[in-house]
Amino acid sequence: MWSRVRRAGFVMALALPCSLSAVQSAYAGLGGTPMTPPTDASVSSRTVQPGTSSATAAQSVMRSASNAASSTSASASYTVRETTLGNGTVVREYLAADGSVFGIAWHGPQMPDLNDLLGSYFPQYVAGVKAVRAARGGARGPVAVDQSNLVVRSGGHMGGFNGQAWLPPALPAGVSGSDIQ
């Protein structure tokens, strides 16, 4: 009997680290600090002035998070920090001058963990999704939660997910929800 128990314990001890390494959590929080990227992720940042076209802004991408932090000037309206996870999903965080995340966008083959991305706003999102689905008679499909202090749009299909989330009261001057892409 002890040999089975020991064997099961040994197998579980080996399986736990493997299962933990398979999880790709981003640990960001809307309204909080930027995510700590997983070790297999790549990160780039760019500073955006309101009214800057995305083509011009895309030309100013900096490939290093440390370079991006030192290049952000006091006059910058916001910073877009893009993290490409090892699974190919891209998460963009929109950071205010104080470093707080006021918007998040994602696209890729796997849905990111919205509990991590939305942080303390996740319960409000879940309640909004339930209300939307109840109004549609339980039908599934793309979801839009549009509240005064939280907007989340999420949709897609297996292998192609996308979405945006932002805090309307936290948007910097000259920035709208359509800028969160």
Protein backbone atom coordinates (compact mmCIF):
# COMPACT_ATOMS: atom_id res chain seq x y z
CA MET A 1 0.00 0.00 0.00
CA TRP A 2 2.78 2.45 0.85
CA SER A 3 4.43 1.82 -2.47
CA ARG A 4 1.29 2.97 -4.33
CA VAL A 5 0.98 6.04 -2.15
CA ARG A 6 4.65 6.90 -2.60
CA ARG A 7 4.42 6.31 -6.34
CA ALA A 8 1.31 8.54 -6.62
CA GLY A 9 3.02 11.23 -4.56
CA PHE A 10 6.13 11.02 -6.73
CA VAL A 11 4.08 11.28 -9.94
CA MET A 12 2.16 14.27 -8.58
CA ALA A 13 5.41 15.93 -7.47
CA LEU A 14 6.71 15.60 -11.03
CA ALA A 15 3.45 16.66 -12.67
CA LEU A 16 2.89 19.85 -10.65
CA PRO A 17 5.90 21.82 -11.98
CA CYS A 18 5.07 20.70 -15.52
CA SER A 19 1.46 21.80 -15.21
CA LEU A 20 2.47 25.14 -13.71
CA SER A 21 4.91 25.82 -16.54
CA ALA A 22 2.18 25.16 -19.12
CA VAL A 23 0.04 28.01 -17.74
CA GLN A 24 0.76 31.36 -19.40
CA SER A 25 -0.48 33.96 -17.01
CA ALA A 26 0.23 37.56 -17.78
CA TYR A 27 -0.48 39.12 -14.36
CA ALA A 28 -1.65 42.51 -15.51
CA GLY A 29 -4.51 44.43 -14.14
CA LEU A 30 -6.69 47.01 -15.82
CA GLY A 31 -6.42 50.10 -13.64
CA GLY A 32 -3.20 48.79 -12.09
CA THR A 33 0.36 48.16 -13.15
CA PRO A 34 1.52 46.61 -16.44
CA MET A 35 1.87 42.86 -16.71
CA THR A 36 4.98 40.97 -15.80
CA PRO A 37 5.58 39.10 -19.04
CA PRO A 38 6.26 35.37 -19.00
CA THR A 39 9.86 34.38 -19.75
CA ASP A 40 8.97 33.25 -23.28
CA ALA A 41 7.36 36.59 -24.21
CA SER A 42 8.77 39.48 -26.21
CA VAL A 43 7.98 43.08 -25.26
CA SER A 44 8.10 46.36 -27.16
CA SER A 45 6.85 49.85 -26.31
CA ARG A 46 6.03 53.07 -28.07
CA THR A 47 5.03 56.53 -26.93
CA VAL A 48 1.91 57.98 -28.54
CA GLN A 49 0.71 61.58 -28.68
CA PRO A 50 -3.06 62.04 -29.12
CA GLY A 51 -3.85 62.57 -32.77
CA THR A 52 -0.77 60.64 -33.97
CA SER A 53 -1.63 58.31 -36.82
CA SER A 54 -1.03 54.64 -36.17
CA ALA A 55 1.34 54.41 -39.15
CA THR A 56 3.53 57.16 -37.68
CA ALA A 57 3.28 55.68 -34.19
CA ALA A 58 4.21 52.24 -35.46
CA GLN A 59 7.45 53.67 -36.86
CA SER A 60 8.47 54.72 -33.34
CA VAL A 61 8.38 51.21 -31.83
CA MET A 62 11.27 50.52 -29.49
CA ARG A 63 12.28 46.91 -29.01
CA SER A 64 13.41 47.05 -25.40
CA ALA A 65 11.27 47.66 -22.35
CA SER A 66 14.18 49.39 -20.62
CA ASN A 67 14.73 51.70 -23.59
CA ALA A 68 11.02 52.43 -23.69
CA ALA A 69 10.96 53.36 -20.02
CA SER A 70 13.84 55.81 -20.44
CA SER A 71 12.46 57.28 -23.67
CA THR A 72 9.00 58.11 -22.30
CA SER A 73 8.93 61.83 -21.80
CA ALA A 74 6.78 63.87 -19.45
CA SER A 75 4.94 65.32 -22.44
CA ALA A 76 3.90 61.87 -23.69
CA SER A 77 0.17 61.27 -23.49
CA TYR A 78 0.40 57.53 -23.13
CA THR A 79 2.58 54.51 -23.81
CA VAL A 80 1.54 51.38 -25.66
CA ARG A 81 3.35 48.29 -24.41
CA GLU A 82 2.99 45.24 -26.63
CA THR A 83 3.71 41.75 -25.31
CA THR A 84 3.77 38.76 -27.62
CA LEU A 85 3.24 35.63 -25.57
CA GLY A 86 4.93 32.36 -26.44
CA ASN A 87 1.62 31.00 -27.78
CA GLY A 88 1.42 33.83 -30.35
CA THR A 89 -1.22 35.91 -28.57
CA VAL A 90 -0.43 39.63 -28.56
CA VAL A 91 -1.51 41.79 -25.60
CA ARG A 92 -1.27 45.59 -25.83
CA GLU A 93 -1.40 47.61 -22.64
CA TYR A 94 -2.17 51.32 -22.77
CA LEU A 95 -0.37 53.12 -19.96
CA ALA A 96 -1.13 56.59 -18.61
CA ALA A 97 1.70 58.94 -17.65
CA ASP A 98 1.57 57.59 -14.08
CA GLY A 99 2.15 54.03 -15.36
CA SER A 100 -1.37 52.74 -14.69
CA VAL A 101 -3.11 50.61 -17.33
CA PHE A 102 -6.18 52.37 -18.73
CA GLY A 103 -6.74 50.05 -21.69
CA ILE A 104 -5.88 46.57 -22.94
CA ALA A 105 -6.28 44.94 -26.35
CA TRP A 106 -5.52 41.37 -27.42
CA HIS A 107 -5.54 39.18 -30.49
CA GLY A 108 -4.21 35.76 -31.28
CA PRO A 109 -4.74 32.05 -31.43
CA GLN A 110 -5.50 31.69 -27.71
CA MET A 111 -7.69 33.74 -25.43
CA PRO A 112 -5.62 35.43 -22.69
CA ASP A 113 -6.65 35.00 -19.06
CA LEU A 114 -9.15 37.83 -18.67
CA ASN A 115 -9.16 37.37 -14.90
CA ASP A 116 -5.49 38.44 -14.93
CA LEU A 117 -5.90 41.16 -17.56
CA LEU A 118 -9.00 42.78 -16.07
CA GLY A 119 -7.78 42.49 -12.48
CA SER A 120 -10.26 43.94 -10.00
CA TYR A 121 -12.70 44.68 -12.85
CA PHE A 122 -13.12 40.98 -13.71
CA PRO A 123 -16.20 40.41 -11.45
CA GLN A 124 -17.88 43.46 -13.02
CA TYR A 125 -17.11 42.03 -16.49
CA VAL A 126 -18.54 38.61 -15.57
CA ALA A 127 -21.75 40.23 -14.27
CA GLY A 128 -21.99 42.27 -17.50
CA VAL A 129 -21.54 39.16 -19.67
CA LYS A 130 -24.27 37.35 -17.72
CA ALA A 131 -26.62 40.30 -18.23
CA VAL A 132 -25.86 40.48 -21.98
CA ARG A 133 -26.40 36.74 -22.44
CA ALA A 134 -29.62 36.80 -20.40
CA ALA A 135 -30.92 39.63 -22.62
CA ARG A 136 -30.13 37.51 -25.71
CA GLY A 137 -31.84 34.44 -24.29
CA GLY A 138 -28.59 32.72 -23.35
CA ALA A 139 -27.11 32.94 -26.86
CA ARG A 140 -23.34 32.89 -27.06
CA GLY A 141 -21.21 34.98 -29.38
CA PRO A 142 -19.20 38.19 -29.26
CA VAL A 143 -19.65 40.07 -26.01
CA ALA A 144 -19.82 43.80 -25.42
CA VAL A 145 -20.00 45.06 -21.85
CA ASP A 146 -20.51 48.81 -22.01
CA GLN A 147 -20.73 50.50 -18.62
CA SER A 148 -19.82 53.98 -17.44
CA ASN A 149 -16.57 52.87 -15.81
CA LEU A 150 -15.72 49.72 -17.84
CA VAL A 151 -15.98 48.75 -21.50
CA VAL A 152 -15.01 45.26 -22.69
CA ARG A 153 -15.47 43.85 -26.19
CA SER A 154 -14.45 40.29 -26.81
CA GLY A 155 -15.01 37.86 -29.64
CA GLY A 156 -13.47 35.46 -32.05
CA HIS A 157 -13.35 31.75 -32.68
CA MET A 158 -11.03 28.83 -32.04
CA GLY A 159 -7.58 29.97 -33.18
CA GLY A 160 -8.54 33.64 -33.63
CA PHE A 161 -9.55 35.62 -30.54
CA ASN A 162 -9.58 39.40 -30.10
CA GLY A 163 -10.85 42.04 -27.76
CA GLN A 164 -10.42 45.36 -26.06
CA ALA A 165 -11.07 46.67 -22.58
CA TRP A 166 -10.75 50.19 -21.22
CA LEU A 167 -11.73 52.44 -18.37
CA PRO A 168 -13.61 55.45 -19.82
CA PRO A 169 -12.93 57.74 -16.82
CA ALA A 170 -9.18 56.96 -17.04
CA LEU A 171 -8.72 57.75 -20.76
CA PRO A 172 -6.19 60.57 -21.21
CA ALA A 173 -7.32 63.79 -22.90
CA GLY A 174 -7.68 63.28 -26.65
CA VAL A 175 -7.91 59.48 -26.38
CA SER A 176 -11.10 57.53 -27.11
CA GLY A 177 -12.08 53.89 -26.83
CA SER A 178 -11.47 53.46 -30.57
CA ASP A 179 -7.77 54.09 -29.92
CA ILE A 180 -7.56 50.85 -27.91
CA GLN A 181 -6.76 48.35 -30.67
